[in-house]
PDB file of all heavy atoms in Angstrom:
ATOM      1  N   ILE A   1    -128.101 153.718  53.403  1.00  0.00           N
ATOM      2  CA  ILE A   1    -126.781 154.175  52.958  1.00  0.00           C
ATOM      3  C   ILE A   1    -126.625 153.759  51.526  1.00  0.00           C
ATOM      4  O   ILE A   1    -126.724 152.554  51.203  1.00  0.00           O
ATOM      5  CB  ILE A   1    -125.671 153.622  53.860  1.00  0.00           C
ATOM      6  CG1 ILE A   1    -125.817 154.120  55.308  1.00  0.00           C
ATOM      7  CG2 ILE A   1    -124.287 153.999  53.294  1.00  0.00           C
ATOM      8  CD1 ILE A   1    -124.744 153.596  56.250  1.00  0.00           C
ATOM      9  N   GLU A   2    -126.389 154.732  50.638  1.00  0.00           N
ATOM     10  CA  GLU A   2    -126.210 154.457  49.241  1.00  0.00           C
ATOM     11  C   GLU A   2    -127.365 153.598  48.656  1.00  0.00           C
ATOM     12  O   GLU A   2    -127.132 152.658  47.880  1.00  0.00           O
ATOM     13  CB  GLU A   2    -124.868 153.768  48.963  1.00  0.00           C
ATOM     14  CG  GLU A   2    -123.661 154.650  49.372  1.00  0.00           C
ATOM     15  CD  GLU A   2    -122.328 154.024  49.069  1.00  0.00           C
ATOM     16  OE1 GLU A   2    -122.314 152.832  48.634  1.00  0.00           O
ATOM     17  OE2 GLU A   2    -121.284 154.722  49.270  1.00  0.00           O
ATOM     18  N   GLY A   3    -128.587 153.962  49.063  1.00  0.00           N
ATOM     19  CA  GLY A   3    -129.727 153.287  48.479  1.00  0.00           C
ATOM     20  C   GLY A   3    -130.096 151.936  49.090  1.00  0.00           C
ATOM     21  O   GLY A   3    -131.093 151.314  48.694  1.00  0.00           O
ATOM     22  N   ARG A   4    -129.342 151.503  50.076  1.00  0.00           N
ATOM     23  CA  ARG A   4    -129.615 150.192  50.719  1.00  0.00           C
ATOM     24  C   ARG A   4    -130.146 150.433  52.114  1.00  0.00           C
ATOM     25  O   ARG A   4    -129.631 151.250  52.864  1.00  0.00           O
ATOM     26  CB  ARG A   4    -128.350 149.350  50.793  1.00  0.00           C
ATOM     27  CG  ARG A   4    -127.891 148.759  49.504  1.00  0.00           C
ATOM     28  CD  ARG A   4    -126.634 147.963  49.670  1.00  0.00           C
ATOM     29  NE  ARG A   4    -126.610 146.734  48.943  1.00  0.00           N
ATOM     30  CZ  ARG A   4    -125.628 145.923  48.817  1.00  0.00           C
ATOM     31  NH1 ARG A   4    -124.479 146.171  49.461  1.00  0.00           N
ATOM     32  NH2 ARG A   4    -125.676 144.812  48.121  1.00  0.00           N
ATOM     33  N   THR A   5    -131.197 149.669  52.478  1.00  0.00           N
ATOM     34  CA  THR A   5    -131.710 149.730  53.843  1.00  0.00           C
ATOM     35  C   THR A   5    -130.933 148.707  54.679  1.00  0.00           C
ATOM     36  O   THR A   5    -130.957 147.516  54.362  1.00  0.00           O
ATOM     37  CB  THR A   5    -133.213 149.409  53.866  1.00  0.00           C
ATOM     38  OG1 THR A   5    -133.914 150.329  53.040  1.00  0.00           O
ATOM     39  CG2 THR A   5    -133.764 149.518  55.284  1.00  0.00           C
ATOM     40  N   LEU A   6    -130.211 149.199  55.728  1.00  0.00           N
ATOM     41  CA  LEU A   6    -129.256 148.339  56.394  1.00  0.00           C
ATOM     42  C   LEU A   6    -129.648 148.074  57.859  1.00  0.00           C
ATOM     43  O   LEU A   6    -130.237 148.915  58.523  1.00  0.00           O
ATOM     44  CB  LEU A   6    -127.882 148.990  56.360  1.00  0.00           C
ATOM     45  CG  LEU A   6    -127.318 149.223  54.937  1.00  0.00           C
ATOM     46  CD1 LEU A   6    -125.920 149.836  55.033  1.00  0.00           C
ATOM     47  CD2 LEU A   6    -127.202 147.854  54.155  1.00  0.00           C
ATOM     48  N   TYR A   7    -129.266 146.910  58.293  1.00  0.00           N
ATOM     49  CA  TYR A   7    -129.557 146.418  59.643  1.00  0.00           C
ATOM     50  C   TYR A   7    -128.290 145.845  60.306  1.00  0.00           C
ATOM     51  O   TYR A   7    -127.215 145.836  59.687  1.00  0.00           O
ATOM     52  CB  TYR A   7    -130.610 145.304  59.590  1.00  0.00           C
ATOM     53  CG  TYR A   7    -131.975 145.772  59.125  1.00  0.00           C
ATOM     54  CD1 TYR A   7    -132.275 145.815  57.754  1.00  0.00           C
ATOM     55  CD2 TYR A   7    -132.972 146.130  60.024  1.00  0.00           C
ATOM     56  CE1 TYR A   7    -133.546 146.210  57.345  1.00  0.00           C
ATOM     57  CE2 TYR A   7    -134.245 146.494  59.593  1.00  0.00           C
ATOM     58  CZ  TYR A   7    -134.513 146.545  58.208  1.00  0.00           C
ATOM     59  OH  TYR A   7    -135.755 146.932  57.789  1.00  0.00           O
ATOM     60  N   ASP A   8    -128.480 145.308  61.475  1.00  0.00           N
ATOM     61  CA  ASP A   8    -127.416 144.798  62.320  1.00  0.00           C
ATOM     62  C   ASP A   8    -126.559 143.701  61.577  1.00  0.00           C
ATOM     63  O   ASP A   8    -127.132 142.831  60.939  1.00  0.00           O
ATOM     64  CB  ASP A   8    -127.994 144.190  63.580  1.00  0.00           C
ATOM     65  CG  ASP A   8    -127.016 144.009  64.658  1.00  0.00           C
ATOM     66  OD1 ASP A   8    -126.119 143.112  64.515  1.00  0.00           O
ATOM     67  OD2 ASP A   8    -127.083 144.685  65.708  1.00  0.00           O
ATOM     68  N   ALA A   9    -125.252 143.796  61.755  1.00  0.00           N
ATOM     69  CA  ALA A   9    -124.365 142.825  61.185  1.00  0.00           C
ATOM     70  C   ALA A   9    -124.529 141.431  61.713  1.00  0.00           C
ATOM     71  O   ALA A   9    -124.164 140.460  61.046  1.00  0.00           O
ATOM     72  CB  ALA A   9    -122.888 143.276  61.410  1.00  0.00           C
ATOM     73  N   GLY A  10    -125.069 141.321  62.916  1.00  0.00           N
ATOM     74  CA  GLY A  10    -125.179 139.986  63.554  1.00  0.00           C
ATOM     75  C   GLY A  10    -125.972 138.995  62.793  1.00  0.00           C
ATOM     76  O   GLY A  10    -125.818 137.786  62.943  1.00  0.00           O
ATOM     77  N   VAL A  11    -126.851 139.476  61.885  1.00  0.00           N
ATOM     78  CA  VAL A  11    -127.685 138.526  61.111  1.00  0.00           C
ATOM     79  C   VAL A  11    -126.851 137.756  60.148  1.00  0.00           C
ATOM     80  O   VAL A  11    -127.103 136.563  59.905  1.00  0.00           O
ATOM     81  CB  VAL A  11    -128.781 139.327  60.360  1.00  0.00           C
ATOM     82  CG1 VAL A  11    -129.616 138.418  59.467  1.00  0.00           C
ATOM     83  CG2 VAL A  11    -129.657 140.163  61.334  1.00  0.00           C
ATOM     84  N   THR A  12    -125.833 138.374  59.570  1.00  0.00           N
ATOM     85  CA  THR A  12    -125.074 137.723  58.469  1.00  0.00           C
ATOM     86  C   THR A  12    -123.614 137.509  58.789  1.00  0.00           C
ATOM     87  O   THR A  12    -122.999 136.619  58.243  1.00  0.00           O
ATOM     88  CB  THR A  12    -125.139 138.576  57.209  1.00  0.00           C
ATOM     89  OG1 THR A  12    -124.830 139.941  57.504  1.00  0.00           O
ATOM     90  CG2 THR A  12    -126.561 138.482  56.599  1.00  0.00           C
ATOM     91  N   ASP A  13    -122.967 138.392  59.599  1.00  0.00           N
ATOM     92  CA  ASP A  13    -121.528 138.275  59.853  1.00  0.00           C
ATOM     93  C   ASP A  13    -121.183 138.933  61.179  1.00  0.00           C
ATOM     94  O   ASP A  13    -120.730 140.048  61.250  1.00  0.00           O
ATOM     95  CB  ASP A  13    -120.774 138.958  58.703  1.00  0.00           C
ATOM     96  CG  ASP A  13    -119.282 138.627  58.714  1.00  0.00           C
ATOM     97  OD1 ASP A  13    -118.829 137.835  59.615  1.00  0.00           O
ATOM     98  OD2 ASP A  13    -118.544 139.185  57.903  1.00  0.00           O
ATOM     99  N   ASN A  14    -121.401 138.169  62.229  1.00  0.00           N
ATOM    100  CA  ASN A  14    -121.218 138.725  63.576  1.00  0.00           C
ATOM    101  C   ASN A  14    -119.819 138.814  64.029  1.00  0.00           C
ATOM    102  O   ASN A  14    -119.521 139.422  65.052  1.00  0.00           O
ATOM    103  CB  ASN A  14    -122.078 137.937  64.618  1.00  0.00           C
ATOM    104  CG  ASN A  14    -122.301 138.704  65.833  1.00  0.00           C
ATOM    105  OD1 ASN A  14    -122.844 139.854  65.769  1.00  0.00           O
ATOM    106  ND2 ASN A  14    -121.942 138.160  66.962  1.00  0.00           N
ATOM    107  N   LEU A  15    -118.927 138.176  63.337  1.00  0.00           N
ATOM    108  CA  LEU A  15    -117.480 138.219  63.708  1.00  0.00           C
ATOM    109  C   LEU A  15    -116.682 138.356  62.374  1.00  0.00           C
ATOM    110  O   LEU A  15    -116.261 137.390  61.796  1.00  0.00           O
ATOM    111  CB  LEU A  15    -117.124 136.886  64.410  1.00  0.00           C
ATOM    112  CG  LEU A  15    -115.847 136.868  65.230  1.00  0.00           C
ATOM    113  CD1 LEU A  15    -115.822 137.972  66.309  1.00  0.00           C
ATOM    114  CD2 LEU A  15    -115.608 135.528  65.881  1.00  0.00           C
ATOM    115  N   PRO A  16    -116.529 139.601  61.935  1.00  0.00           N
ATOM    116  CA  PRO A  16    -116.067 139.864  60.554  1.00  0.00           C
ATOM    117  C   PRO A  16    -114.590 139.666  60.250  1.00  0.00           C
ATOM    118  O   PRO A  16    -113.833 140.610  59.970  1.00  0.00           O
ATOM    119  CB  PRO A  16    -116.460 141.307  60.344  1.00  0.00           C
ATOM    120  CG  PRO A  16    -116.404 141.926  61.704  1.00  0.00           C
ATOM    121  CD  PRO A  16    -116.834 140.851  62.673  1.00  0.00           C
ATOM    122  N   VAL A  17    -114.154 138.412  60.327  1.00  0.00           N
ATOM    123  CA  VAL A  17    -112.751 138.088  60.059  1.00  0.00           C
ATOM    124  C   VAL A  17    -112.383 138.373  58.612  1.00  0.00           C
ATOM    125  O   VAL A  17    -111.350 138.902  58.337  1.00  0.00           O
ATOM    126  CB  VAL A  17    -112.490 136.604  60.431  1.00  0.00           C
ATOM    127  CG1 VAL A  17    -111.092 136.156  59.991  1.00  0.00           C
ATOM    128  CG2 VAL A  17    -112.617 136.391  61.958  1.00  0.00           C
ATOM    129  N   ASP A  18    -113.277 137.968  57.692  1.00  0.00           N
ATOM    130  CA  ASP A  18    -112.978 138.173  56.268  1.00  0.00           C
ATOM    131  C   ASP A  18    -112.803 139.675  55.967  1.00  0.00           C
ATOM    132  O   ASP A  18    -111.959 140.067  55.163  1.00  0.00           O
ATOM    133  CB  ASP A  18    -114.094 137.592  55.405  1.00  0.00           C
ATOM    134  CG  ASP A  18    -114.087 136.074  55.403  1.00  0.00           C
ATOM    135  OD1 ASP A  18    -113.028 135.502  55.797  1.00  0.00           O
ATOM    136  OD2 ASP A  18    -115.042 135.469  54.949  1.00  0.00           O
ATOM    137  N   ALA A  19    -113.595 140.509  56.619  1.00  0.00           N
ATOM    138  CA  ALA A  19    -113.523 141.959  56.393  1.00  0.00           C
ATOM    139  C   ALA A  19    -112.165 142.450  56.886  1.00  0.00           C
ATOM    140  O   ALA A  19    -111.556 143.366  56.277  1.00  0.00           O
ATOM    141  CB  ALA A  19    -114.645 142.682  57.083  1.00  0.00           C
ATOM    142  N   ALA A  20    -111.707 141.929  58.007  1.00  0.00           N
ATOM    143  CA  ALA A  20    -110.353 142.320  58.519  1.00  0.00           C
ATOM    144  C   ALA A  20    -109.284 141.918  57.569  1.00  0.00           C
ATOM    145  O   ALA A  20    -108.297 142.619  57.309  1.00  0.00           O
ATOM    146  CB  ALA A  20    -110.145 141.727  59.912  1.00  0.00           C
ATOM    147  N   ARG A  21    -109.348 140.695  56.977  1.00  0.00           N
ATOM    148  CA  ARG A  21    -108.377 140.265  56.028  1.00  0.00           C
ATOM    149  C   ARG A  21    -108.389 141.139  54.807  1.00  0.00           C
ATOM    150  O   ARG A  21    -107.316 141.449  54.213  1.00  0.00           O
ATOM    151  CB  ARG A  21    -108.653 138.805  55.646  1.00  0.00           C
ATOM    152  CG  ARG A  21    -108.376 137.818  56.765  1.00  0.00           C
ATOM    153  CD  ARG A  21    -108.210 136.410  56.263  1.00  0.00           C
ATOM    154  NE  ARG A  21    -108.381 135.427  57.292  1.00  0.00           N
ATOM    155  CZ  ARG A  21    -107.444 135.159  58.231  1.00  0.00           C
ATOM    156  NH1 ARG A  21    -106.311 135.834  58.215  1.00  0.00           N
ATOM    157  NH2 ARG A  21    -107.668 134.269  59.147  1.00  0.00           N
ATOM    158  N   ALA A  22    -109.568 141.564  54.390  1.00  0.00           N
ATOM    159  CA  ALA A  22    -109.702 142.420  53.173  1.00  0.00           C
ATOM    160  C   ALA A  22    -109.044 143.768  53.408  1.00  0.00           C
ATOM    161  O   ALA A  22    -108.625 144.450  52.436  1.00  0.00           O
ATOM    162  CB  ALA A  22    -111.190 142.598  52.784  1.00  0.00           C
ATOM    163  N   LEU A  23    -108.899 144.165  54.648  1.00  0.00           N
ATOM    164  CA  LEU A  23    -108.198 145.445  54.980  1.00  0.00           C
ATOM    165  C   LEU A  23    -106.690 145.260  54.978  1.00  0.00           C
ATOM    166  O   LEU A  23    -105.991 146.242  55.147  1.00  0.00           O
ATOM    167  CB  LEU A  23    -108.636 145.940  56.344  1.00  0.00           C
ATOM    168  CG  LEU A  23    -110.102 146.441  56.458  1.00  0.00           C
ATOM    169  CD1 LEU A  23    -110.454 146.740  57.902  1.00  0.00           C
ATOM    170  CD2 LEU A  23    -110.294 147.682  55.590  1.00  0.00           C
ATOM    171  N   GLY A  24    -106.237 144.043  54.783  1.00  0.00           N
ATOM    172  CA  GLY A  24    -104.777 143.792  54.685  1.00  0.00           C
ATOM    173  C   GLY A  24    -104.207 142.965  55.824  1.00  0.00           C
ATOM    174  O   GLY A  24    -102.972 142.755  55.857  1.00  0.00           O
ATOM    175  N   ALA A  25    -104.997 142.490  56.752  1.00  0.00           N
ATOM    176  CA  ALA A  25    -104.477 141.732  57.882  1.00  0.00           C
ATOM    177  C   ALA A  25    -104.007 140.367  57.437  1.00  0.00           C
ATOM    178  O   ALA A  25    -104.691 139.646  56.736  1.00  0.00           O
ATOM    179  CB  ALA A  25    -105.567 141.570  58.959  1.00  0.00           C
ATOM    180  N   GLY A  26    -102.803 140.012  57.923  1.00  0.00           N
ATOM    181  CA  GLY A  26    -102.282 138.677  57.664  1.00  0.00           C
ATOM    182  C   GLY A  26    -102.537 137.748  58.855  1.00  0.00           C
ATOM    183  O   GLY A  26    -102.431 136.521  58.710  1.00  0.00           O
ATOM    184  N   TYR A  27    -102.835 138.344  59.978  1.00  0.00           N
ATOM    185  CA  TYR A  27    -103.130 137.611  61.233  1.00  0.00           C
ATOM    186  C   TYR A  27    -104.279 138.297  61.869  1.00  0.00           C
ATOM    187  O   TYR A  27    -104.193 139.504  62.193  1.00  0.00           O
ATOM    188  CB  TYR A  27    -101.908 137.617  62.141  1.00  0.00           C
ATOM    189  CG  TYR A  27    -102.069 136.799  63.416  1.00  0.00           C
ATOM    190  CD1 TYR A  27    -101.797 135.416  63.406  1.00  0.00           C
ATOM    191  CD2 TYR A  27    -102.481 137.377  64.598  1.00  0.00           C
ATOM    192  CE1 TYR A  27    -101.956 134.665  64.577  1.00  0.00           C
ATOM    193  CE2 TYR A  27    -102.637 136.617  65.754  1.00  0.00           C
ATOM    194  CZ  TYR A  27    -102.381 135.269  65.723  1.00  0.00           C
ATOM    195  OH  TYR A  27    -102.486 134.528  66.903  1.00  0.00           O
ATOM    196  N   VAL A  28    -105.393 137.560  62.078  1.00  0.00           N
ATOM    197  CA  VAL A  28    -106.614 138.182  62.595  1.00  0.00           C
ATOM    198  C   VAL A  28    -106.928 137.642  64.001  1.00  0.00           C
ATOM    199  O   VAL A  28    -107.081 136.418  64.169  1.00  0.00           O
ATOM    200  CB  VAL A  28    -107.780 137.948  61.657  1.00  0.00           C
ATOM    201  CG1 VAL A  28    -109.076 138.581  62.249  1.00  0.00           C
ATOM    202  CG2 VAL A  28    -107.550 138.592  60.307  1.00  0.00           C
ATOM    203  N   ILE A  29    -107.037 138.556  64.918  1.00  0.00           N
ATOM    204  CA  ILE A  29    -107.474 138.244  66.299  1.00  0.00           C
ATOM    205  C   ILE A  29    -108.988 138.585  66.312  1.00  0.00           C
ATOM    206  O   ILE A  29    -109.353 139.739  66.090  1.00  0.00           O
ATOM    207  CB  ILE A  29    -106.726 139.084  67.329  1.00  0.00           C
ATOM    208  CG1 ILE A  29    -105.213 138.818  67.221  1.00  0.00           C
ATOM    209  CG2 ILE A  29    -107.248 138.795  68.731  1.00  0.00           C
ATOM    210  CD1 ILE A  29    -104.391 139.838  68.066  1.00  0.00           C
ATOM    211  N   ALA A  30    -109.815 137.586  66.535  1.00  0.00           N
ATOM    212  CA  ALA A  30    -111.238 137.794  66.585  1.00  0.00           C
ATOM    213  C   ALA A  30    -111.743 137.716  68.029  1.00  0.00           C
ATOM    214  O   ALA A  30    -111.269 136.892  68.815  1.00  0.00           O
ATOM    215  CB  ALA A  30    -111.954 136.738  65.761  1.00  0.00           C
ATOM    216  N   VAL A  31    -112.657 138.608  68.381  1.00  0.00           N
ATOM    217  CA  VAL A  31    -113.177 138.700  69.745  1.00  0.00           C
ATOM    218  C   VAL A  31    -114.695 138.436  69.699  1.00  0.00           C
ATOM    219  O   VAL A  31    -115.461 139.263  69.181  1.00  0.00           O
ATOM    220  CB  VAL A  31    -112.912 140.011  70.408  1.00  0.00           C
ATOM    221  CG1 VAL A  31    -113.328 139.983  71.895  1.00  0.00           C
ATOM    222  CG2 VAL A  31    -111.415 140.381  70.301  1.00  0.00           C
ATOM    223  N   ASP A  32    -115.090 137.279  70.168  1.00  0.00           N
ATOM    224  CA  ASP A  32    -116.515 136.866  70.209  1.00  0.00           C
ATOM    225  C   ASP A  32    -117.079 137.208  71.558  1.00  0.00           C
ATOM    226  O   ASP A  32    -116.634 136.634  72.597  1.00  0.00           O
ATOM    227  CB  ASP A  32    -116.629 135.377  69.946  1.00  0.00           C
ATOM    228  CG  ASP A  32    -118.051 134.840  70.036  1.00  0.00           C
ATOM    229  OD1 ASP A  32    -118.981 135.685  69.998  1.00  0.00           O
ATOM    230  OD2 ASP A  32    -118.214 133.613  70.211  1.00  0.00           O
ATOM    231  N   VAL A  33    -118.037 138.108  71.636  1.00  0.00           N
ATOM    232  CA  VAL A  33    -118.612 138.464  72.949  1.00  0.00           C
ATOM    233  C   VAL A  33    -120.030 137.921  73.171  1.00  0.00           C
ATOM    234  O   VAL A  33    -120.675 138.311  74.128  1.00  0.00           O
ATOM    235  CB  VAL A  33    -118.623 140.026  73.124  1.00  0.00           C
ATOM    236  CG1 VAL A  33    -117.201 140.541  73.207  1.00  0.00           C
ATOM    237  CG2 VAL A  33    -119.394 140.710  72.041  1.00  0.00           C
ATOM    238  N   ILE A  34    -120.458 137.044  72.280  1.00  0.00           N
ATOM    239  CA  ILE A  34    -121.741 136.382  72.520  1.00  0.00           C
ATOM    240  C   ILE A  34    -121.596 135.346  73.643  1.00  0.00           C
ATOM    241  O   ILE A  34    -122.414 135.259  74.554  1.00  0.00           O
ATOM    242  CB  ILE A  34    -122.238 135.692  71.245  1.00  0.00           C
ATOM    243  CG1 ILE A  34    -122.610 136.722  70.185  1.00  0.00           C
ATOM    244  CG2 ILE A  34    -123.444 134.800  71.546  1.00  0.00           C
ATOM    245  CD1 ILE A  34    -123.831 137.534  70.532  1.00  0.00           C
ATOM    246  N   GLY A  35    -120.512 134.557  73.600  1.00  0.00           N
ATOM    247  CA  GLY A  35    -120.315 133.548  74.643  1.00  0.00           C
ATOM    248  C   GLY A  35    -121.115 132.316  74.356  1.00  0.00           C
ATOM    249  O   GLY A  35    -121.984 132.274  73.480  1.00  0.00           O
ATOM    250  N   HIS A  36    -120.837 131.290  75.098  1.00  0.00           N
ATOM    251  CA  HIS A  36    -121.538 130.007  74.870  1.00  0.00           C
ATOM    252  C   HIS A  36    -122.068 129.460  76.165  1.00  0.00           C
ATOM    253  O   HIS A  36    -121.357 129.382  77.190  1.00  0.00           O
ATOM    254  CB  HIS A  36    -120.584 128.982  74.223  1.00  0.00           C
ATOM    255  CG  HIS A  36    -120.159 129.430  72.823  1.00  0.00           C
ATOM    256  ND1 HIS A  36    -120.942 129.208  71.743  1.00  0.00           N
ATOM    257  CD2 HIS A  36    -119.096 130.145  72.413  1.00  0.00           C
ATOM    258  CE1 HIS A  36    -120.320 129.713  70.682  1.00  0.00           C
ATOM    259  NE2 HIS A  36    -119.267 130.298  71.076  1.00  0.00           N
ATOM    260  N   ARG A  37    -123.298 129.118  76.169  1.00  0.00           N
ATOM    261  CA  ARG A  37    -123.933 128.556  77.386  1.00  0.00           C
ATOM    262  C   ARG A  37    -123.348 127.251  77.775  1.00  0.00           C
ATOM    263  O   ARG A  37    -123.102 126.385  76.926  1.00  0.00           O
ATOM    264  CB  ARG A  37    -125.451 128.425  77.143  1.00  0.00           C
ATOM    265  CG  ARG A  37    -126.140 129.748  76.853  1.00  0.00           C
ATOM    266  CD  ARG A  37    -126.706 130.352  78.118  1.00  0.00           C
ATOM    267  NE  ARG A  37    -127.295 131.655  77.847  1.00  0.00           N
ATOM    268  CZ  ARG A  37    -128.084 132.268  78.657  1.00  0.00           C
ATOM    269  NH1 ARG A  37    -128.421 131.722  79.826  1.00  0.00           N
ATOM    270  NH2 ARG A  37    -128.604 133.449  78.357  1.00  0.00           N
ATOM    271  N   THR A  38    -123.158 127.075  79.057  1.00  0.00           N
ATOM    272  CA  THR A  38    -122.684 125.769  79.569  1.00  0.00           C
ATOM    273  C   THR A  38    -123.791 125.002  80.196  1.00  0.00           C
ATOM    274  O   THR A  38    -123.595 123.949  80.780  1.00  0.00           O
ATOM    275  CB  THR A  38    -121.570 125.991  80.601  1.00  0.00           C
ATOM    276  OG1 THR A  38    -122.058 126.865  81.631  1.00  0.00           O
ATOM    277  CG2 THR A  38    -120.342 126.680  79.976  1.00  0.00           C
ATOM    278  N   ILE A  39    -125.026 125.558  80.128  1.00  0.00           N
ATOM    279  CA  ILE A  39    -126.199 124.888  80.658  1.00  0.00           C
ATOM    280  C   ILE A  39    -127.097 124.494  79.497  1.00  0.00           C
ATOM    281  O   ILE A  39    -127.101 125.148  78.470  1.00  0.00           O
ATOM    282  CB  ILE A  39    -126.971 125.786  81.628  1.00  0.00           C
ATOM    283  CG1 ILE A  39    -127.361 127.101  80.933  1.00  0.00           C
ATOM    284  CG2 ILE A  39    -126.169 126.052  82.880  1.00  0.00           C
ATOM    285  CD1 ILE A  39    -128.245 127.993  81.775  1.00  0.00           C
ATOM    286  N   PRO A  40    -127.845 123.351  79.633  1.00  0.00           N
ATOM    287  CA  PRO A  40    -128.708 122.959  78.512  1.00  0.00           C
ATOM    288  C   PRO A  40    -129.962 123.819  78.427  1.00  0.00           C
ATOM    289  O   PRO A  40    -130.328 124.471  79.382  1.00  0.00           O
ATOM    290  CB  PRO A  40    -129.082 121.514  78.932  1.00  0.00           C
ATOM    291  CG  PRO A  40    -129.016 121.544  80.448  1.00  0.00           C
ATOM    292  CD  PRO A  40    -127.897 122.447  80.767  1.00  0.00           C
ATOM    293  N   PRO A  41    -130.568 123.866  77.239  1.00  0.00           N
ATOM    294  CA  PRO A  41    -131.808 124.581  77.103  1.00  0.00           C
ATOM    295  C   PRO A  41    -132.866 124.046  78.013  1.00  0.00           C
ATOM    296  O   PRO A  41    -132.859 122.869  78.420  1.00  0.00           O
ATOM    297  CB  PRO A  41    -132.239 124.321  75.623  1.00  0.00           C
ATOM    298  CG  PRO A  41    -130.957 123.930  74.947  1.00  0.00           C
ATOM    299  CD  PRO A  41    -130.121 123.218  75.971  1.00  0.00           C
ATOM    300  N   GLY A  42    -133.790 124.934  78.458  1.00  0.00           N
ATOM    301  CA  GLY A  42    -134.834 124.492  79.350  1.00  0.00           C
ATOM    302  C   GLY A  42    -135.844 125.635  79.481  1.00  0.00           C
ATOM    303  O   GLY A  42    -135.509 126.712  79.919  1.00  0.00           O
ATOM    304  N   GLY A  43    -137.057 125.388  79.083  1.00  0.00           N
ATOM    305  CA  GLY A  43    -138.077 126.450  79.106  1.00  0.00           C
ATOM    306  C   GLY A  43    -137.988 127.255  77.832  1.00  0.00           C
ATOM    307  O   GLY A  43    -136.956 127.315  77.186  1.00  0.00           O
ATOM    308  N   ALA A  44    -139.123 127.850  77.459  1.00  0.00           N
ATOM    309  CA  ALA A  44    -139.226 128.519  76.165  1.00  0.00           C
ATOM    310  C   ALA A  44    -138.254 129.699  76.036  1.00  0.00           C
ATOM    311  O   ALA A  44    -137.534 129.845  75.057  1.00  0.00           O
ATOM    312  CB  ALA A  44    -140.665 129.015  75.930  1.00  0.00           C
ATOM    313  N   TYR A  45    -138.171 130.554  77.088  1.00  0.00           N
ATOM    314  CA  TYR A  45    -137.314 131.733  77.014  1.00  0.00           C
ATOM    315  C   TYR A  45    -135.850 131.349  76.928  1.00  0.00           C
ATOM    316  O   TYR A  45    -135.120 131.824  76.039  1.00  0.00           O
ATOM    317  CB  TYR A  45    -137.544 132.624  78.221  1.00  0.00           C
ATOM    318  CG  TYR A  45    -136.626 133.814  78.292  1.00  0.00           C
ATOM    319  CD1 TYR A  45    -136.842 134.926  77.478  1.00  0.00           C
ATOM    320  CD2 TYR A  45    -135.522 133.814  79.149  1.00  0.00           C
ATOM    321  CE1 TYR A  45    -135.957 135.994  77.477  1.00  0.00           C
ATOM    322  CE2 TYR A  45    -134.647 134.885  79.185  1.00  0.00           C
ATOM    323  CZ  TYR A  45    -134.871 135.956  78.364  1.00  0.00           C
ATOM    324  OH  TYR A  45    -134.007 137.040  78.403  1.00  0.00           O
TER     325      TYR A  45
END
């Protein structure tokens, strides 16, 4: 797009709060759907 080769946002900004503010938002509700594990790492996978 416009001469740039583009990829997934998750690499650099997976929850774009700053982008929402730049659109004029004074109050930003962010929704994180990655979630957080409640179990410790174990095994390579």
